[in-house]
Amino acid sequence: MCVICATVGDARPTRAELQQACQSNPDGFGWGAVVYHDDDKFIITGKSMSPVEAINSYEDLLDSWGQHVQASYFHARIATHGSKTLANCHGFEVGGSNGGSVLVHNGVLPIQIAKGDDRTDSQVFAEEILGNMFGGVPGLHANHAWDVCEAYVENSGSKVVVLTVEDEMPLLILGEGLGHWQTKEVWWSNSSYKQHVYSPSTVRYSAQDYDLFDDLINVPCANFDCTERLEYDDELCESCGWCQDCVSHWLDCLCLRIGGEQ
């Protein structure tokens, strides 16, 4: 599934939210920011397989540059394509940008990865589709290019965040409506940064009762923003559309995509 936090200016998520995001998406981490100094803008990025190092480094970056930060991202990965290595942590340089644009992705894009190619679908999208086919970030200003690119991303249930110094806007989000703005300056691609707090009413039966009344037990939906209660073995919440196994909306469901059906 992965999760992206994108911020405007020097806004940031809380450390507890970053820790939960890493716990929910533990296969590698990346962070970056667009900063300015003496009328010059540039991008600083980092990657780590350690959640503690990633969070500390991201917070140090924002602390060091303070009000000189124009936008930032933090990405925590669940591996779907590509191995669990530092090289496959996000972000990825957009092809042809010479470091001027960096992309991070949440979801599964309809990209066929050639046998022996250890790149993620996200890296292929950054280098070959957004970079080569669309001409990078400047190419998105061409007639209908943004609409076409966003439709490609959204139709796969994905979200893409781009940090760039090649555009007036340092932060671009494809599939923005599939995520949510927690505040006016902090955007999340999904809710896996939230801790689920169980109320006392959640625990209605003892362990022995589960054997006796399997068909009566109901549990909270895995979507933290949904108030629906489901049978304990339900795979999908019909109210909000979230898969209970991979904890994501059915459009972003890894169970369906990895199984080859939707």
Protein backbone atom coordinates (compact mmCIF):
# COMPACT_ATOMS: atom_id res chain seq x y z
CA MET A 1 0.00 0.00 0.00
CA CYS A 2 2.67 2.55 1.09
CA VAL A 3 1.83 5.96 2.50
CA ILE A 4 2.92 9.47 1.54
CA CYS A 5 2.84 12.57 3.68
CA ALA A 6 3.22 15.76 1.63
CA THR A 7 3.54 19.15 3.29
CA VAL A 8 3.44 22.79 2.23
CA GLY A 9 5.94 25.24 3.66
CA ASP A 10 7.53 24.19 6.94
CA ALA A 11 4.45 22.29 8.15
CA ARG A 12 5.03 18.71 9.27
CA PRO A 13 3.24 15.63 10.65
CA THR A 14 3.75 14.61 14.26
CA ARG A 15 6.46 12.13 15.20
CA ALA A 16 3.79 9.69 16.41
CA GLU A 17 2.12 9.81 12.98
CA LEU A 18 5.43 9.14 11.25
CA GLN A 19 6.14 6.23 13.58
CA GLN A 20 2.75 4.68 12.88
CA ALA A 21 3.20 5.23 9.14
CA CYS A 22 6.52 3.37 9.28
CA GLN A 23 5.07 0.58 11.38
CA SER A 24 2.22 0.10 8.90
CA ASN A 25 4.55 0.33 5.88
CA PRO A 26 7.91 -1.14 6.99
CA ASP A 27 9.80 -1.94 3.75
CA GLY A 28 11.90 1.21 3.36
CA PHE A 29 11.64 4.96 3.78
CA GLY A 30 12.38 8.15 1.90
CA TRP A 31 12.09 11.88 2.51
CA GLY A 32 12.79 15.11 0.71
CA ALA A 33 12.21 18.85 0.63
CA VAL A 34 12.36 21.79 -1.75
CA VAL A 35 14.35 24.53 -0.04
CA TYR A 36 15.57 27.96 -1.10
CA HIS A 37 18.65 29.99 -0.26
CA ASP A 38 19.95 33.23 -1.81
CA ASP A 39 17.23 33.12 -4.52
CA ASP A 40 18.22 29.56 -5.47
CA LYS A 41 15.87 26.57 -5.10
CA PHE A 42 17.02 22.97 -4.84
CA ILE A 43 15.84 19.57 -3.62
CA ILE A 44 17.35 17.62 -0.73
CA THR A 45 16.42 13.93 -0.44
CA GLY A 46 17.34 10.90 1.63
CA LYS A 47 16.57 7.18 1.95
CA SER A 48 16.94 4.59 4.68
CA MET A 49 15.84 1.09 5.60
CA SER A 50 15.68 2.19 9.25
CA PRO A 51 12.50 3.94 10.39
CA VAL A 52 14.28 5.68 13.27
CA GLU A 53 17.01 7.03 10.99
CA ALA A 54 14.41 8.09 8.43
CA ILE A 55 12.22 9.99 10.89
CA ASN A 56 15.20 11.64 12.60
CA SER A 57 16.72 12.69 9.27
CA TYR A 58 13.42 14.07 7.95
CA GLU A 59 12.83 16.09 11.11
CA ASP A 60 16.45 17.30 11.10
CA LEU A 61 16.03 18.45 7.50
CA LEU A 62 12.93 20.49 8.35
CA ASP A 63 14.53 21.86 11.52
CA SER A 64 17.71 22.89 9.69
CA TRP A 65 15.98 24.79 6.88
CA GLY A 66 12.96 26.05 8.82
CA GLN A 67 11.06 28.72 6.93
CA HIS A 68 13.24 28.13 3.86
CA VAL A 69 11.33 24.87 3.23
CA GLN A 70 8.77 25.29 0.44
CA ALA A 71 7.41 21.72 0.42
CA SER A 72 8.38 18.26 1.65
CA TYR A 73 7.46 14.58 1.58
CA PHE A 74 7.91 11.53 3.76
CA HIS A 75 7.31 8.09 2.21
CA ALA A 76 6.99 4.69 3.90
CA ARG A 77 6.92 1.65 1.61
CA ILE A 78 5.23 -1.73 1.35
CA ALA A 79 7.04 -3.66 -1.39
CA THR A 80 4.86 -4.81 -4.32
CA HIS A 81 7.31 -4.50 -7.24
CA GLY A 82 11.06 -4.62 -6.75
CA SER A 83 13.09 -5.98 -3.86
CA LYS A 84 13.27 -4.54 -0.36
CA THR A 85 16.45 -2.56 -0.90
CA LEU A 86 17.62 1.00 -0.34
CA ALA A 87 17.67 1.58 -4.11
CA ASN A 88 13.94 0.87 -4.30
CA CYS A 89 13.01 3.29 -1.54
CA HIS A 90 11.23 6.40 -2.82
CA GLY A 91 11.75 9.06 -4.24
CA PHE A 92 12.89 8.63 -7.78
CA GLU A 93 14.29 11.29 -10.06
CA VAL A 94 11.97 12.17 -12.92
CA GLY A 95 13.66 11.28 -16.21
CA GLY A 96 15.47 14.17 -17.84
CA SER A 97 15.06 16.53 -14.90
CA ASN A 98 18.73 16.39 -13.79
CA GLY A 99 17.66 16.38 -10.17
CA GLY A 100 15.07 19.10 -10.65
CA SER A 101 12.07 16.84 -9.92
CA VAL A 102 11.65 13.85 -7.60
CA LEU A 103 8.62 11.53 -7.46
CA VAL A 104 7.08 9.31 -4.77
CA HIS A 105 4.13 6.96 -5.29
CA ASN A 106 1.43 5.14 -3.32
CA GLY A 107 -0.45 2.32 -5.02
CA VAL A 108 0.10 -0.12 -7.89
CA LEU A 109 0.43 1.27 -11.41
CA PRO A 110 -0.53 -0.82 -14.48
CA ILE A 111 3.08 -1.20 -15.59
CA GLN A 112 4.56 -4.47 -16.78
CA ILE A 113 8.01 -4.94 -15.24
CA ALA A 114 10.35 -6.90 -17.51
CA LYS A 115 11.87 -10.09 -16.13
CA GLY A 116 15.15 -9.31 -14.44
CA ASP A 117 14.25 -5.62 -13.99
CA ASP A 118 14.41 -4.94 -10.24
CA ARG A 119 13.00 -1.43 -10.57
CA THR A 120 9.68 -0.62 -8.93
CA ASP A 121 6.66 0.45 -10.97
CA SER A 122 7.17 3.87 -9.34
CA GLN A 123 10.69 4.23 -10.72
CA VAL A 124 9.59 3.13 -14.20
CA PHE A 125 6.79 5.70 -14.09
CA ALA A 126 9.20 8.44 -13.00
CA GLU A 127 11.84 7.65 -15.60
CA GLU A 128 9.96 6.37 -18.62
CA ILE A 129 6.37 7.61 -18.46
CA LEU A 130 6.42 10.99 -16.73
CA GLY A 131 10.00 11.61 -17.80
CA ASN A 132 10.23 10.36 -21.38
CA MET A 133 6.62 10.18 -22.58
CA PHE A 134 5.36 13.41 -20.98
CA GLY A 135 8.63 15.31 -21.08
CA GLY A 136 8.89 15.65 -17.31
CA VAL A 137 7.19 18.27 -15.16
CA PRO A 138 7.40 21.07 -17.78
CA GLY A 139 5.61 18.75 -20.23
CA LEU A 140 2.56 18.63 -17.96
CA HIS A 141 1.74 22.17 -19.11
CA ALA A 142 1.12 20.91 -22.66
CA ASN A 143 -2.47 20.70 -23.86
CA HIS A 144 -4.40 18.12 -21.75
CA ALA A 145 -1.13 16.51 -20.57
CA TRP A 146 -1.94 16.98 -16.89
CA ASP A 147 -5.44 15.53 -17.32
CA VAL A 148 -4.13 12.49 -19.18
CA CYS A 149 -1.38 11.83 -16.64
CA GLU A 150 -3.69 12.27 -13.66
CA ALA A 151 -6.32 9.98 -15.19
CA TYR A 152 -3.64 7.31 -15.68
CA VAL A 153 -2.66 7.55 -12.02
CA GLU A 154 -6.18 7.86 -10.57
CA ASN A 155 -7.65 5.03 -12.63
CA SER A 156 -5.20 2.65 -10.98
CA GLY A 157 -6.20 3.94 -7.54
CA SER A 158 -2.75 5.48 -7.14
CA LYS A 159 -1.41 8.78 -5.86
CA VAL A 160 1.82 10.44 -7.00
CA VAL A 161 3.61 13.33 -5.30
CA VAL A 162 6.27 15.33 -7.13
CA LEU A 163 8.71 17.79 -5.58
CA THR A 164 10.10 20.08 -8.24
CA VAL A 165 12.11 23.23 -8.91
CA GLU A 166 11.03 23.11 -12.58
CA ASP A 167 7.63 24.66 -11.89
CA GLU A 168 6.25 27.63 -9.98
CA MET A 169 4.56 25.15 -7.66
CA PRO A 170 7.14 23.13 -5.69
CA LEU A 171 4.58 20.42 -4.82
CA LEU A 172 2.38 18.60 -7.38
CA ILE A 173 -0.06 15.80 -6.50
CA LEU A 174 -1.59 13.44 -9.06
CA GLY A 175 -4.61 11.63 -7.59
CA GLU A 176 -4.91 14.23 -4.86
CA GLY A 177 -8.61 13.51 -4.30
CA LEU A 178 -7.87 9.87 -3.39
CA GLY A 179 -5.96 11.07 -0.34
CA HIS A 180 -6.93 13.72 2.20
CA TRP A 181 -5.74 17.02 3.61
CA GLN A 182 -5.33 16.56 7.35
CA THR A 183 -4.76 20.32 7.60
CA LYS A 184 -4.39 23.05 4.98
CA GLU A 185 -0.66 22.24 4.81
CA VAL A 186 -0.45 18.47 5.44
CA TRP A 187 -1.74 15.87 2.94
CA TRP A 188 -1.78 12.07 3.41
CA SER A 189 -2.26 9.51 0.65
CA ASN A 190 -4.19 7.18 3.00
CA SER A 191 -4.95 6.68 6.69
CA SER A 192 -2.28 4.15 7.63
CA TYR A 193 -0.55 6.82 9.74
CA LYS A 194 -3.42 6.70 12.24
CA GLN A 195 -3.49 4.56 15.33
CA HIS A 196 -6.74 2.67 15.77
CA VAL A 197 -8.10 3.20 19.27
CA TYR A 198 -10.51 0.49 20.38
CA SER A 199 -13.31 1.55 22.67
CA PRO A 200 -14.39 -0.71 25.57
CA SER A 201 -17.46 -1.69 23.56
CA THR A 202 -15.20 -3.30 20.95
CA VAL A 203 -14.44 -6.23 23.28
CA ARG A 204 -17.85 -7.82 23.59
CA TYR A 205 -17.01 -11.47 24.10
CA SER A 206 -14.33 -13.59 25.73
CA ALA A 207 -12.01 -15.85 23.73
CA GLN A 208 -14.30 -18.78 24.54
CA ASP A 209 -17.29 -16.87 23.19
CA TYR A 210 -15.60 -16.61 19.79
CA ASP A 211 -15.83 -20.37 19.41
CA LEU A 212 -19.49 -20.39 20.45
CA PHE A 213 -20.79 -17.36 18.59
CA ASP A 214 -18.62 -16.94 15.50
CA ASP A 215 -21.51 -15.67 13.43
CA LEU A 216 -22.44 -12.98 15.95
CA ILE A 217 -19.07 -11.30 16.43
CA ASN A 218 -18.58 -7.93 14.76
CA VAL A 219 -15.47 -5.79 14.69
CA PRO A 220 -14.62 -2.23 13.60
CA CYS A 221 -13.85 -1.58 9.95
CA ALA A 222 -10.10 -1.40 9.27
CA ASN A 223 -10.64 2.07 7.78
CA PHE A 224 -10.09 4.37 10.75
CA ASP A 225 -12.49 6.95 9.28
CA CYS A 226 -15.38 4.47 8.93
CA THR A 227 -17.78 3.74 11.81
CA GLU A 228 -19.17 0.53 10.29
CA ARG A 229 -18.89 -2.78 12.18
CA LEU A 230 -18.37 -6.01 10.24
CA GLU A 231 -18.43 -9.74 10.75
CA TYR A 232 -14.95 -10.74 11.88
CA ASP A 233 -14.28 -12.68 8.64
CA ASP A 234 -15.65 -10.05 6.22
CA GLU A 235 -13.10 -9.18 3.53
CA LEU A 236 -14.69 -5.93 2.31
CA CYS A 237 -16.62 -3.12 3.99
CA GLU A 238 -19.57 -2.34 1.73
CA SER A 239 -20.04 1.03 3.44
CA CYS A 240 -16.65 2.60 2.64
CA GLY A 241 -15.18 0.05 0.19
CA TRP A 242 -12.08 -0.83 2.22
CA CYS A 243 -10.41 -4.25 2.03
CA GLN A 244 -10.04 -5.62 5.56
CA ASP A 245 -6.96 -7.70 4.71
CA CYS A 246 -4.55 -5.17 3.18
CA VAL A 247 -6.25 -2.16 4.82
CA SER A 248 -6.81 -0.06 1.72
CA HIS A 249 -9.66 1.01 -0.56
CA TRP A 250 -10.66 -1.64 -3.11
CA LEU A 251 -9.29 0.56 -5.92
CA ASP A 252 -5.91 0.34 -4.17
CA CYS A 253 -6.35 -3.25 -2.95
CA LEU A 254 -3.17 -5.32 -3.07
CA CYS A 255 -5.08 -8.58 -2.58
CA LEU A 256 -7.00 -8.07 -5.83
CA ARG A 257 -4.06 -6.78 -7.82
CA ILE A 258 -1.56 -9.39 -6.73
CA GLY A 259 -4.16 -12.07 -7.41
CA GLY A 260 -4.59 -10.73 -10.92
CA GLU A 261 -8.29 -9.92 -10.66
CA GLN A 262 -10.34 -6.84 -9.91
